[in-house]
Amino acid sequence: MKRKVSFRRIADSALASAEMIVQRWLPDGRREGREWVAINPTRSDGKKGSFKINLQTGCWSDFATGSAGGDIVSLAAYLHNLKQGEAAIRVAAMLGIDPYE
Protein backbone atom coordinates (compact mmCIF):
# COMPACT_ATOMS: atom_id res chain seq x y z
CA MET A 1 0.00 0.00 0.00
CA LYS A 2 1.39 3.38 -1.03
CA ARG A 3 1.60 5.88 1.81
CA LYS A 4 0.27 9.38 1.27
CA VAL A 5 2.57 12.39 1.69
CA SER A 6 1.22 14.81 4.29
CA PHE A 7 1.71 18.02 2.30
CA ARG A 8 -0.25 20.28 4.66
CA ARG A 9 1.58 19.10 7.81
CA ILE A 10 4.96 19.45 6.10
CA ALA A 11 4.09 22.90 4.75
CA ASP A 12 2.86 24.01 8.19
CA SER A 13 6.02 22.72 9.89
CA ALA A 14 8.18 24.40 7.24
CA LEU A 15 6.34 27.68 7.74
CA ALA A 16 7.20 27.59 11.45
CA SER A 17 10.89 27.39 10.38
CA ALA A 18 10.61 29.57 7.27
CA GLU A 19 13.32 32.06 8.13
CA MET A 20 15.85 29.32 8.94
CA ILE A 21 14.99 27.50 5.71
CA VAL A 22 15.26 30.50 3.39
CA GLN A 23 18.52 31.56 5.03
CA ARG A 24 19.88 28.11 4.19
CA TRP A 25 18.59 28.03 0.61
CA LEU A 26 19.06 31.71 -0.21
CA PRO A 27 21.95 32.86 1.99
CA ASP A 28 22.53 36.03 -0.03
CA GLY A 29 19.08 37.33 0.92
CA ARG A 30 17.95 39.64 3.66
CA ARG A 31 14.86 40.12 5.76
CA GLU A 32 12.70 43.12 4.92
CA GLY A 33 9.73 43.24 7.27
CA ARG A 34 7.74 40.05 6.75
CA GLU A 35 9.64 39.05 3.61
CA TRP A 36 12.92 37.44 2.65
CA VAL A 37 14.31 39.22 -0.41
CA ALA A 38 16.97 37.39 -2.41
CA ILE A 39 18.52 36.87 -5.81
CA ASN A 40 16.73 34.10 -7.69
CA PRO A 41 19.34 31.36 -8.18
CA THR A 42 17.36 29.73 -11.00
CA ARG A 43 18.03 32.60 -13.42
CA SER A 44 20.69 35.19 -14.09
CA ASP A 45 19.52 37.84 -11.68
CA GLY A 46 22.00 40.51 -10.68
CA LYS A 47 20.22 42.25 -7.85
CA LYS A 48 17.81 41.59 -5.03
CA GLY A 49 14.28 42.87 -5.15
CA SER A 50 12.17 40.81 -7.53
CA PHE A 51 12.33 37.45 -5.69
CA LYS A 52 10.49 37.49 -2.36
CA ILE A 53 9.24 34.97 0.18
CA ASN A 54 6.62 35.97 2.75
CA LEU A 55 7.88 34.49 6.04
CA GLN A 56 4.41 34.55 7.64
CA THR A 57 2.49 32.83 4.85
CA GLY A 58 5.16 30.95 2.88
CA CYS A 59 3.91 32.49 -0.36
CA TRP A 60 6.71 33.42 -2.74
CA SER A 61 7.07 35.11 -6.09
CA ASP A 62 9.60 36.13 -8.68
CA PHE A 63 7.99 39.34 -9.86
CA ALA A 64 10.33 39.50 -12.87
CA THR A 65 9.18 36.16 -14.32
CA GLY A 66 5.76 35.58 -12.78
CA SER A 67 6.85 32.35 -11.08
CA ALA A 68 5.07 31.94 -7.75
CA GLY A 69 3.92 29.47 -5.14
CA GLY A 70 1.90 29.20 -1.99
CA ASP A 71 4.20 27.51 0.50
CA ILE A 72 7.76 26.51 1.40
CA VAL A 73 7.33 23.07 -0.20
CA SER A 74 6.55 24.65 -3.58
CA LEU A 75 9.57 26.92 -3.08
CA ALA A 76 11.74 23.83 -2.53
CA ALA A 77 10.34 22.26 -5.71
CA TYR A 78 11.04 25.44 -7.66
CA LEU A 79 14.57 26.07 -6.35
CA HIS A 80 15.74 22.47 -6.54
CA ASN A 81 13.86 21.44 -9.71
CA LEU A 82 11.83 18.73 -7.94
CA LYS A 83 8.30 17.42 -8.18
CA GLN A 84 6.05 18.50 -5.31
CA GLY A 85 6.13 15.06 -3.64
CA GLU A 86 9.91 14.87 -3.79
CA ALA A 87 10.18 18.40 -2.42
CA ALA A 88 7.82 17.61 0.46
CA ILE A 89 9.81 14.52 1.41
CA ARG A 90 13.09 16.46 1.35
CA VAL A 91 11.68 19.32 3.41
CA ALA A 92 10.28 16.81 5.94
CA ALA A 93 13.70 15.15 6.18
CA MET A 94 15.36 18.53 6.72
CA LEU A 95 12.89 19.25 9.53
CA GLY A 96 13.19 15.75 11.02
CA ILE A 97 9.51 14.89 10.63
CA ASP A 98 7.70 11.92 9.08
CA PRO A 99 6.54 12.94 5.59
CA TYR A 100 3.63 10.51 5.52
CA GLU A 101 0.12 10.61 6.96
PDB file of N, CA and C in Angstrom:
ATOM      1  N   MET A   1       0.844  -1.189   0.000  1.00  0.00           N
ATOM      2  CA  MET A   1       0.000   0.000   0.000  1.00  0.00           C
ATOM      3  C   MET A   1       0.886   1.247   0.000  1.00  0.00           C
ATOM      4  N   LYS A   2       0.617   2.139  -0.917  1.00  0.00           N
ATOM      5  CA  LYS A   2       1.391   3.375  -1.029  1.00  0.00           C
ATOM      6  C   LYS A   2       0.946   4.355   0.053  1.00  0.00           C
ATOM      7  N   ARG A   3       1.899   4.913   0.759  1.00  0.00           N
ATOM      8  CA  ARG A   3       1.597   5.883   1.810  1.00  0.00           C
ATOM      9  C   ARG A   3       1.450   7.268   1.193  1.00  0.00           C
ATOM     10  N   LYS A   4       0.570   8.062   1.776  1.00  0.00           N
ATOM     11  CA  LYS A   4       0.268   9.383   1.266  1.00  0.00           C
ATOM     12  C   LYS A   4       1.144  10.430   1.958  1.00  0.00           C
ATOM     13  N   VAL A   5       1.745  11.309   1.151  1.00  0.00           N
ATOM     14  CA  VAL A   5       2.574  12.393   1.685  1.00  0.00           C
ATOM     15  C   VAL A   5       1.653  13.420   2.335  1.00  0.00           C
ATOM     16  N   SER A   6       2.018  13.843   3.527  1.00  0.00           N
ATOM     17  CA  SER A   6       1.216  14.810   4.286  1.00  0.00           C
ATOM     18  C   SER A   6       1.676  16.233   3.950  1.00  0.00           C
ATOM     19  N   PHE A   7       1.267  16.704   2.789  1.00  0.00           N
ATOM     20  CA  PHE A   7       1.712  18.019   2.299  1.00  0.00           C
ATOM     21  C   PHE A   7       1.394  19.144   3.279  1.00  0.00           C
ATOM     22  N   ARG A   8       0.170  19.175   3.785  1.00  0.00           N
ATOM     23  CA  ARG A   8      -0.246  20.281   4.659  1.00  0.00           C
ATOM     24  C   ARG A   8       0.587  20.307   5.937  1.00  0.00           C
ATOM     25  N   ARG A   9       0.798  19.145   6.570  1.00  0.00           N
ATOM     26  CA  ARG A   9       1.579  19.098   7.806  1.00  0.00           C
ATOM     27  C   ARG A   9       3.018  19.520   7.552  1.00  0.00           C
ATOM     28  N   ILE A  10       3.579  19.078   6.448  1.00  0.00           N
ATOM     29  CA  ILE A  10       4.955  19.449   6.104  1.00  0.00           C
ATOM     30  C   ILE A  10       5.043  20.948   5.839  1.00  0.00           C
ATOM     31  N   ALA A  11       4.098  21.470   5.063  1.00  0.00           N
ATOM     32  CA  ALA A  11       4.095  22.901   4.753  1.00  0.00           C
ATOM     33  C   ALA A  11       3.929  23.730   6.027  1.00  0.00           C
ATOM     34  N   ASP A  12       3.057  23.293   6.931  1.00  0.00           N
ATOM     35  CA  ASP A  12       2.859  24.015   8.190  1.00  0.00           C
ATOM     36  C   ASP A  12       4.121  23.991   9.046  1.00  0.00           C
ATOM     37  N   SER A  13       4.771  22.830   9.118  1.00  0.00           N
ATOM     38  CA  SER A  13       6.017  22.724   9.888  1.00  0.00           C
ATOM     39  C   SER A  13       7.110  23.582   9.266  1.00  0.00           C
ATOM     40  N   ALA A  14       7.175  23.589   7.933  1.00  0.00           N
ATOM     41  CA  ALA A  14       8.176  24.403   7.241  1.00  0.00           C
ATOM     42  C   ALA A  14       7.925  25.887   7.476  1.00  0.00           C
ATOM     43  N   LEU A  15       6.673  26.275   7.510  1.00  0.00           N
ATOM     44  CA  LEU A  15       6.342  27.678   7.737  1.00  0.00           C
ATOM     45  C   LEU A  15       6.834  28.134   9.112  1.00  0.00           C
ATOM     46  N   ALA A  16       6.728  27.253  10.103  1.00  0.00           N
ATOM     47  CA  ALA A  16       7.203  27.587  11.451  1.00  0.00           C
ATOM     48  C   ALA A  16       8.714  27.813  11.472  1.00  0.00           C
ATOM     49  N   SER A  17       9.429  27.240  10.480  1.00  0.00           N
ATOM     50  CA  SER A  17      10.885  27.391  10.376  1.00  0.00           C
ATOM     51  C   SER A  17      11.291  28.140   9.115  1.00  0.00           C
ATOM     52  N   ALA A  18      10.393  28.926   8.571  1.00  0.00           N
ATOM     53  CA  ALA A  18      10.609  29.566   7.271  1.00  0.00           C
ATOM     54  C   ALA A  18      11.883  30.394   7.208  1.00  0.00           C
ATOM     55  N   GLU A  19      12.140  31.202   8.208  1.00  0.00           N
ATOM     56  CA  GLU A  19      13.320  32.063   8.132  1.00  0.00           C
ATOM     57  C   GLU A  19      14.603  31.242   8.112  1.00  0.00           C
ATOM     58  N   MET A  20      14.676  30.201   8.929  1.00  0.00           N
ATOM     59  CA  MET A  20      15.849  29.324   8.937  1.00  0.00           C
ATOM     60  C   MET A  20      16.027  28.650   7.569  1.00  0.00           C
ATOM     61  N   ILE A  21      14.934  28.205   6.995  1.00  0.00           N
ATOM     62  CA  ILE A  21      14.989  27.500   5.711  1.00  0.00           C
ATOM     63  C   ILE A  21      15.457  28.423   4.597  1.00  0.00           C
ATOM     64  N   VAL A  22      14.870  29.611   4.486  1.00  0.00           N
ATOM     65  CA  VAL A  22      15.264  30.504   3.392  1.00  0.00           C
ATOM     66  C   VAL A  22      16.691  31.018   3.580  1.00  0.00           C
ATOM     67  N   GLN A  23      17.124  31.169   4.802  1.00  0.00           N
ATOM     68  CA  GLN A  23      18.523  31.564   5.025  1.00  0.00           C
ATOM     69  C   GLN A  23      19.463  30.486   4.518  1.00  0.00           C
ATOM     70  N   ARG A  24      19.064  29.237   4.658  1.00  0.00           N
ATOM     71  CA  ARG A  24      19.884  28.106   4.190  1.00  0.00           C
ATOM     72  C   ARG A  24      19.888  28.026   2.666  1.00  0.00           C
ATOM     73  N   TRP A  25      18.709  28.164   2.065  1.00  0.00           N
ATOM     74  CA  TRP A  25      18.590  28.033   0.612  1.00  0.00           C
ATOM     75  C   TRP A  25      19.001  29.283  -0.139  1.00  0.00           C
ATOM     76  N   LEU A  26      18.789  30.433   0.452  1.00  0.00           N
ATOM     77  CA  LEU A  26      19.055  31.710  -0.208  1.00  0.00           C
ATOM     78  C   LEU A  26      19.896  32.592   0.715  1.00  0.00           C
ATOM     79  N   PRO A  27      21.137  32.173   0.982  1.00  0.00           N
ATOM     80  CA  PRO A  27      21.953  32.865   1.993  1.00  0.00           C
ATOM     81  C   PRO A  27      22.334  34.296   1.629  1.00  0.00           C
ATOM     82  N   ASP A  28      22.193  34.665   0.382  1.00  0.00           N
ATOM     83  CA  ASP A  28      22.532  36.030  -0.030  1.00  0.00           C
ATOM     84  C   ASP A  28      21.386  37.005   0.234  1.00  0.00           C
ATOM     85  N   GLY A  29      20.247  36.490   0.715  1.00  0.00           N
ATOM     86  CA  GLY A  29      19.076  37.326   0.924  1.00  0.00           C
ATOM     87  C   GLY A  29      19.130  38.112   2.223  1.00  0.00           C
ATOM     88  N   ARG A  30      18.068  38.860   2.422  1.00  0.00           N
ATOM     89  CA  ARG A  30      17.953  39.641   3.661  1.00  0.00           C
ATOM     90  C   ARG A  30      16.476  39.768   4.016  1.00  0.00           C
ATOM     91  N   ARG A  31      16.240  39.933   5.292  1.00  0.00           N
ATOM     92  CA  ARG A  31      14.864  40.119   5.759  1.00  0.00           C
ATOM     93  C   ARG A  31      14.466  41.580   5.592  1.00  0.00           C
ATOM     94  N   GLU A  32      13.288  41.788   5.033  1.00  0.00           N
ATOM     95  CA  GLU A  32      12.702  43.118   4.923  1.00  0.00           C
ATOM     96  C   GLU A  32      11.269  42.997   5.428  1.00  0.00           C
ATOM     97  N   GLY A  33      11.059  43.386   6.671  1.00  0.00           N
ATOM     98  CA  GLY A  33       9.733  43.240   7.270  1.00  0.00           C
ATOM     99  C   GLY A  33       9.337  41.787   7.364  1.00  0.00           C
ATOM    100  N   ARG A  34       8.232  41.433   6.729  1.00  0.00           N
ATOM    101  CA  ARG A  34       7.736  40.048   6.752  1.00  0.00           C
ATOM    102  C   ARG A  34       8.297  39.200   5.615  1.00  0.00           C
ATOM    103  N   GLU A  35       9.173  39.760   4.804  1.00  0.00           N
ATOM    104  CA  GLU A  35       9.642  39.048   3.610  1.00  0.00           C
ATOM    105  C   GLU A  35      11.146  38.799   3.632  1.00  0.00           C
ATOM    106  N   TRP A  36      11.528  37.727   2.939  1.00  0.00           N
ATOM    107  CA  TRP A  36      12.924  37.440   2.652  1.00  0.00           C
ATOM    108  C   TRP A  36      13.128  37.830   1.192  1.00  0.00           C
ATOM    109  N   VAL A  37      14.049  38.716   0.942  1.00  0.00           N
ATOM    110  CA  VAL A  37      14.309  39.221  -0.405  1.00  0.00           C
ATOM    111  C   VAL A  37      15.677  38.698  -0.829  1.00  0.00           C
ATOM    112  N   ALA A  38      15.726  38.038  -1.978  1.00  0.00           N
ATOM    113  CA  ALA A  38      16.967  37.388  -2.409  1.00  0.00           C
ATOM    114  C   ALA A  38      17.119  37.456  -3.924  1.00  0.00           C
ATOM    115  N   ILE A  39      18.280  37.064  -4.382  1.00  0.00           N
ATOM    116  CA  ILE A  39      18.519  36.871  -5.806  1.00  0.00           C
ATOM    117  C   ILE A  39      18.000  35.486  -6.169  1.00  0.00           C
ATOM    118  N   ASN A  40      17.262  35.381  -7.254  1.00  0.00           N
ATOM    119  CA  ASN A  40      16.731  34.096  -7.693  1.00  0.00           C
ATOM    120  C   ASN A  40      17.855  33.273  -8.305  1.00  0.00           C
ATOM    121  N   PRO A  41      18.233  32.158  -7.670  1.00  0.00           N
ATOM    122  CA  PRO A  41      19.344  31.363  -8.184  1.00  0.00           C
ATOM    123  C   PRO A  41      19.004  30.534  -9.425  1.00  0.00           C
ATOM    124  N   THR A  42      17.733  30.518  -9.833  1.00  0.00           N
ATOM    125  CA  THR A  42      17.356  29.730 -11.005  1.00  0.00           C
ATOM    126  C   THR A  42      17.490  30.510 -12.308  1.00  0.00           C
ATOM    127  N   ARG A  43      17.842  31.792 -12.211  1.00  0.00           N
ATOM    128  CA  ARG A  43      18.033  32.597 -13.424  1.00  0.00           C
ATOM    129  C   ARG A  43      19.154  33.593 -13.181  1.00  0.00           C
ATOM    130  N   SER A  44      19.614  34.213 -14.237  1.00  0.00           N
ATOM    131  CA  SER A  44      20.690  35.191 -14.093  1.00  0.00           C
ATOM    132  C   SER A  44      20.090  36.509 -13.618  1.00  0.00           C
ATOM    133  N   ASP A  45      20.099  36.662 -12.319  1.00  0.00           N
ATOM    134  CA  ASP A  45      19.519  37.840 -11.676  1.00  0.00           C
ATOM    135  C   ASP A  45      20.665  38.536 -10.960  1.00  0.00           C
ATOM    136  N   GLY A  46      20.869  39.795 -11.240  1.00  0.00           N
ATOM    137  CA  GLY A  46      21.997  40.510 -10.677  1.00  0.00           C
ATOM    138  C   GLY A  46      21.747  41.246  -9.387  1.00  0.00           C
ATOM    139  N   LYS A  47      20.472  41.486  -9.070  1.00  0.00           N
ATOM    140  CA  LYS A  47      20.219  42.248  -7.849  1.00  0.00           C
ATOM    141  C   LYS A  47      18.969  41.746  -7.147  1.00  0.00           C
ATOM    142  N   LYS A  48      18.940  41.990  -5.844  1.00  0.00           N
ATOM    143  CA  LYS A  48      17.807  41.588  -5.030  1.00  0.00           C
ATOM    144  C   LYS A  48      16.642  42.537  -5.268  1.00  0.00           C
ATOM    145  N   GLY A  49      15.447  42.013  -5.079  1.00  0.00           N
ATOM    146  CA  GLY A  49      14.281  42.872  -5.153  1.00  0.00           C
ATOM    147  C   GLY A  49      13.083  42.224  -5.814  1.00  0.00           C
ATOM    148  N   SER A  50      13.311  41.381  -6.823  1.00  0.00           N
ATOM    149  CA  SER A  50      12.171  40.812  -7.533  1.00  0.00           C
ATOM    150  C   SER A  50      11.773  39.430  -7.011  1.00  0.00           C
ATOM    151  N   PHE A  51      12.609  38.791  -6.201  1.00  0.00           N
ATOM    152  CA  PHE A  51      12.333  37.448  -5.692  1.00  0.00           C
ATOM    153  C   PHE A  51      12.104  37.549  -4.193  1.00  0.00           C
ATOM    154  N   LYS A  52      10.857  37.279  -3.762  1.00  0.00           N
ATOM    155  CA  LYS A  52      10.495  37.488  -2.362  1.00  0.00           C
ATOM    156  C   LYS A  52       9.708  36.310  -1.811  1.00  0.00           C
ATOM    157  N   ILE A  53       9.958  36.012  -0.532  1.00  0.00           N
ATOM    158  CA  ILE A  53       9.235  34.967   0.177  1.00  0.00           C
ATOM    159  C   ILE A  53       8.614  35.609   1.411  1.00  0.00           C
ATOM    160  N   ASN A  54       7.306  35.460   1.569  1.00  0.00           N
ATOM    161  CA  ASN A  54       6.624  35.969   2.751  1.00  0.00           C
ATOM    162  C   ASN A  54       6.852  34.962   3.877  1.00  0.00           C
ATOM    163  N   LEU A  55       7.514  35.380   4.944  1.00  0.00           N
ATOM    164  CA  LEU A  55       7.882  34.487   6.038  1.00  0.00           C
ATOM    165  C   LEU A  55       6.695  34.136   6.938  1.00  0.00           C
ATOM    166  N   GLN A  56       5.597  34.845   6.833  1.00  0.00           N
ATOM    167  CA  GLN A  56       4.408  34.547   7.640  1.00  0.00           C
ATOM    168  C   GLN A  56       3.440  33.612   6.929  1.00  0.00           C
ATOM    169  N   THR A  57       3.432  33.659   5.597  1.00  0.00           N
ATOM    170  CA  THR A  57       2.487  32.830   4.846  1.00  0.00           C
ATOM    171  C   THR A  57       3.168  31.718   4.049  1.00  0.00           C
ATOM    172  N   GLY A  58       4.440  31.901   3.723  1.00  0.00           N
ATOM    173  CA  GLY A  58       5.155  30.949   2.876  1.00  0.00           C
ATOM    174  C   GLY A  58       4.991  31.233   1.397  1.00  0.00           C
ATOM    175  N   CYS A  59       4.100  32.149   1.049  1.00  0.00           N
ATOM    176  CA  CYS A  59       3.908  32.493  -0.363  1.00  0.00           C
ATOM    177  C   CYS A  59       5.173  33.157  -0.902  1.00  0.00           C
ATOM    178  N   TRP A  60       5.498  32.866  -2.141  1.00  0.00           N
ATOM    179  CA  TRP A  60       6.707  33.424  -2.744  1.00  0.00           C
ATOM    180  C   TRP A  60       6.415  33.795  -4.192  1.00  0.00           C
ATOM    181  N   SER A  61       7.244  34.694  -4.715  1.00  0.00           N
ATOM    182  CA  SER A  61       7.065  35.109  -6.093  1.00  0.00           C
ATOM    183  C   SER A  61       8.356  35.692  -6.650  1.00  0.00           C
ATOM    184  N   ASP A  62       8.568  35.429  -7.925  1.00  0.00           N
ATOM    185  CA  ASP A  62       9.595  36.130  -8.684  1.00  0.00           C
ATOM    186  C   ASP A  62       8.819  37.097  -9.568  1.00  0.00           C
ATOM    187  N   PHE A  63       8.792  38.347  -9.162  1.00  0.00           N
ATOM    188  CA  PHE A  63       7.985  39.338  -9.862  1.00  0.00           C
ATOM    189  C   PHE A  63       8.523  39.650 -11.254  1.00  0.00           C
ATOM    190  N   ALA A  64       9.764  39.270 -11.540  1.00  0.00           N
ATOM    191  CA  ALA A  64      10.333  39.498 -12.866  1.00  0.00           C
ATOM    192  C   ALA A  64       9.864  38.455 -13.879  1.00  0.00           C
ATOM    193  N   THR A  65       9.559  37.228 -13.396  1.00  0.00           N
ATOM    194  CA  THR A  65       9.182  36.162 -14.315  1.00  0.00           C
ATOM    195  C   THR A  65       7.741  35.707 -14.177  1.00  0.00           C
ATOM    196  N   GLY A  66       7.124  36.037 -13.035  1.00  0.00           N
ATOM    197  CA  GLY A  66       5.765  35.577 -12.776  1.00  0.00           C
ATOM    198  C   GLY A  66       5.702  34.236 -12.079  1.00  0.00           C
ATOM    199  N   SER A  67       6.845  33.605 -11.818  1.00  0.00           N
ATOM    200  CA  SER A  67       6.850  32.350 -11.077  1.00  0.00           C
ATOM    201  C   SER A  67       6.413  32.629  -9.650  1.00  0.00           C
ATOM    202  N   ALA A  68       5.579  31.728  -9.105  1.00  0.00           N
ATOM    203  CA  ALA A  68       5.071  31.944  -7.751  1.00  0.00           C
ATOM    204  C   ALA A  68       4.578  30.635  -7.163  1.00  0.00           C
ATOM    205  N   GLY A  69       4.445  30.639  -5.839  1.00  0.00           N
ATOM    206  CA  GLY A  69       3.920  29.471  -5.144  1.00  0.00           C
ATOM    207  C   GLY A  69       3.340  29.864  -3.805  1.00  0.00           C
ATOM    208  N   GLY A  70       2.639  28.900  -3.199  1.00  0.00           N
ATOM    209  CA  GLY A  70       1.899  29.203  -1.993  1.00  0.00           C
ATOM    210  C   GLY A  70       2.488  28.714  -0.696  1.00  0.00           C
ATOM    211  N   ASP A  71       3.622  27.992  -0.747  1.00  0.00           N
ATOM    212  CA  ASP A  71       4.203  27.514   0.501  1.00  0.00           C
ATOM    213  C   ASP A  71       5.684  27.175   0.315  1.00  0.00           C
ATOM    214  N   ILE A  72       6.325  26.810   1.414  1.00  0.00           N
ATOM    215  CA  ILE A  72       7.764  26.510   1.404  1.00  0.00           C
ATOM    216  C   ILE A  72       8.060  25.239   0.611  1.00  0.00           C
ATOM    217  N   VAL A  73       7.132  24.290   0.588  1.00  0.00           N
ATOM    218  CA  VAL A  73       7.330  23.065  -0.202  1.00  0.00           C
ATOM    219  C   VAL A  73       7.392  23.408  -1.690  1.00  0.00           C
ATOM    220  N   SER A  74       6.503  24.272  -2.155  1.00  0.00           N
ATOM    221  CA  SER A  74       6.550  24.647  -3.579  1.00  0.00           C
ATOM    222  C   SER A  74       7.815  25.447  -3.885  1.00  0.00           C
ATOM    223  N   LEU A  75       8.299  26.206  -2.902  1.00  0.00           N
ATOM    224  CA  LEU A  75       9.569  26.921  -3.075  1.00  0.00           C
ATOM    225  C   LEU A  75      10.716  25.925  -3.234  1.00  0.00           C
ATOM    226  N   ALA A  76      10.711  24.875  -2.421  1.00  0.00           N
ATOM    227  CA  ALA A  76      11.740  23.831  -2.531  1.00  0.00           C
ATOM    228  C   ALA A  76      11.686  23.184  -3.909  1.00  0.00           C
ATOM    229  N   ALA A  77      10.492  22.873  -4.382  1.00  0.00           N
ATOM    230  CA  ALA A  77      10.340  22.260  -5.709  1.00  0.00           C
ATOM    231  C   ALA A  77      10.898  23.175  -6.785  1.00  0.00           C
ATOM    232  N   TYR A  78      10.588  24.454  -6.688  1.00  0.00           N
ATOM    233  CA  TYR A  78      11.043  25.439  -7.664  1.00  0.00           C
ATOM    234  C   TYR A  78      12.568  25.594  -7.637  1.00  0.00           C
ATOM    235  N   LEU A  79      13.129  25.812  -6.457  1.00  0.00           N
ATOM    236  CA  LEU A  79      14.565  26.074  -6.347  1.00  0.00           C
ATOM    237  C   LEU A  79      15.427  24.870  -6.711  1.00  0.00           C
ATOM    238  N   HIS A  80      14.932  23.664  -6.368  1.00  0.00           N
ATOM    239  CA  HIS A  80      15.742  22.466  -6.543  1.00  0.00           C
ATOM    240  C   HIS A  80      15.284  21.589  -7.706  1.00  0.00           C
ATOM    241  N   ASN A  81      14.354  22.134  -8.516  1.00  0.00           N
ATOM    242  CA  ASN A  81      13.859  21.440  -9.705  1.00  0.00           C
ATOM    243  C   ASN A  81      13.333  20.041  -9.369  1.00  0.00           C
ATOM    244  N   LEU A  82      12.412  19.990  -8.405  1.00  0.00           N
ATOM    245  CA  LEU A  82      11.834  18.734  -7.942  1.00  0.00           C
ATOM    246  C   LEU A  82      10.328  18.726  -8.183  1.00  0.00           C
ATOM    247  N   LYS A  83       9.758  17.537  -8.196  1.00  0.00           N
ATOM    248  CA  LYS A  83       8.303  17.417  -8.184  1.00  0.00           C
ATOM    249  C   LYS A  83       7.840  17.725  -6.764  1.00  0.00           C
ATOM    250  N   GLN A  84       6.578  18.096  -6.619  1.00  0.00           N
ATOM    251  CA  GLN A  84       6.051  18.495  -5.311  1.00  0.00           C
ATOM    252  C   GLN A  84       6.241  17.403  -4.246  1.00  0.00           C
ATOM    253  N   GLY A  85       5.968  16.164  -4.605  1.00  0.00           N
ATOM    254  CA  GLY A  85       6.126  15.063  -3.642  1.00  0.00           C
ATOM    255  C   GLY A  85       7.560  14.903  -3.186  1.00  0.00           C
ATOM    256  N   GLU A  86       8.489  14.969  -4.138  1.00  0.00           N
ATOM    257  CA  GLU A  86       9.913  14.871  -3.793  1.00  0.00           C
ATOM    258  C   GLU A  86      10.332  16.031  -2.895  1.00  0.00           C
ATOM    259  N   ALA A  87       9.854  17.217  -3.214  1.00  0.00           N
ATOM    260  CA  ALA A  87      10.185  18.400  -2.417  1.00  0.00           C
ATOM    261  C   ALA A  87       9.644  18.255  -1.003  1.00  0.00           C
ATOM    262  N   ALA A  88       8.419  17.784  -0.865  1.00  0.00           N
ATOM    263  CA  ALA A  88       7.818  17.610   0.462  1.00  0.00           C
ATOM    264  C   ALA A  88       8.624  16.618   1.298  1.00  0.00           C
ATOM    265  N   ILE A  89       9.031  15.524   0.691  1.00  0.00           N
ATOM    266  CA  ILE A  89       9.809  14.515   1.412  1.00  0.00           C
ATOM    267  C   ILE A  89      11.160  15.087   1.843  1.00  0.00           C
ATOM    268  N   ARG A  90      11.802  15.851   0.982  1.00  0.00           N
ATOM    269  CA  ARG A  90      13.093  16.462   1.348  1.00  0.00           C
ATOM    270  C   ARG A  90      12.946  17.505   2.448  1.00  0.00           C
ATOM    271  N   VAL A  91      11.904  18.312   2.370  1.00  0.00           N
ATOM    272  CA  VAL A  91      11.676  19.320   3.409  1.00  0.00           C
ATOM    273  C   VAL A  91      11.397  18.615   4.742  1.00  0.00           C
ATOM    274  N   ALA A  92      10.580  17.562   4.713  1.00  0.00           N
ATOM    275  CA  ALA A  92      10.279  16.812   5.939  1.00  0.00           C
ATOM    276  C   ALA A  92      11.555  16.247   6.536  1.00  0.00           C
ATOM    277  N   ALA A  93      12.427  15.695   5.696  1.00  0.00           N
ATOM    278  CA  ALA A  93      13.699  15.149   6.179  1.00  0.00           C
ATOM    279  C   ALA A  93      14.561  16.237   6.811  1.00  0.00           C
ATOM    280  N   MET A  94      14.592  17.406   6.179  1.00  0.00           N
ATOM    281  CA  MET A  94      15.358  18.526   6.719  1.00  0.00           C
ATOM    282  C   MET A  94      14.838  18.943   8.087  1.00  0.00           C
ATOM    283  N   LEU A  95      13.509  18.853   8.270  1.00  0.00           N
ATOM    284  CA  LEU A  95      12.890  19.252   9.525  1.00  0.00           C
ATOM    285  C   LEU A  95      12.854  18.117  10.551  1.00  0.00           C
ATOM    286  N   GLY A  96      13.201  16.910  10.117  1.00  0.00           N
ATOM    287  CA  GLY A  96      13.194  15.753  11.019  1.00  0.00           C
ATOM    288  C   GLY A  96      11.800  15.255  11.352  1.00  0.00           C
ATOM    289  N   ILE A  97      10.884  15.377  10.395  1.00  0.00           N
ATOM    290  CA  ILE A  97       9.510  14.890  10.626  1.00  0.00           C
ATOM    291  C   ILE A  97       9.150  13.807   9.607  1.00  0.00           C
ATOM    292  N   ASP A  98       8.183  12.974   9.966  1.00  0.00           N
ATOM    293  CA  ASP A  98       7.696  11.916   9.077  1.00  0.00           C
ATOM    294  C   ASP A  98       6.894  12.573   7.949  1.00  0.00           C
ATOM    295  N   PRO A  99       7.236  12.294   6.696  1.00  0.00           N
ATOM    296  CA  PRO A  99       6.536  12.939   5.586  1.00  0.00           C
ATOM    297  C   PRO A  99       5.181  12.337   5.260  1.00  0.00           C
ATOM    298  N   TYR A 100       4.856  11.221   5.893  1.00  0.00           N
ATOM    299  CA  TYR A 100       3.629  10.506   5.523  1.00  0.00           C
ATOM    300  C   TYR A 100       2.522  10.660   6.562  1.00  0.00           C
ATOM    301  N   GLU A 101       1.300  10.529   6.070  1.00  0.00           N
ATOM    302  CA  GLU A 101       0.119  10.612   6.956  1.00  0.00           C
ATOM    303  C   GLU A 101      -0.001   9.341   7.761  1.00  0.00           C
TER     304      GLU A 101
END
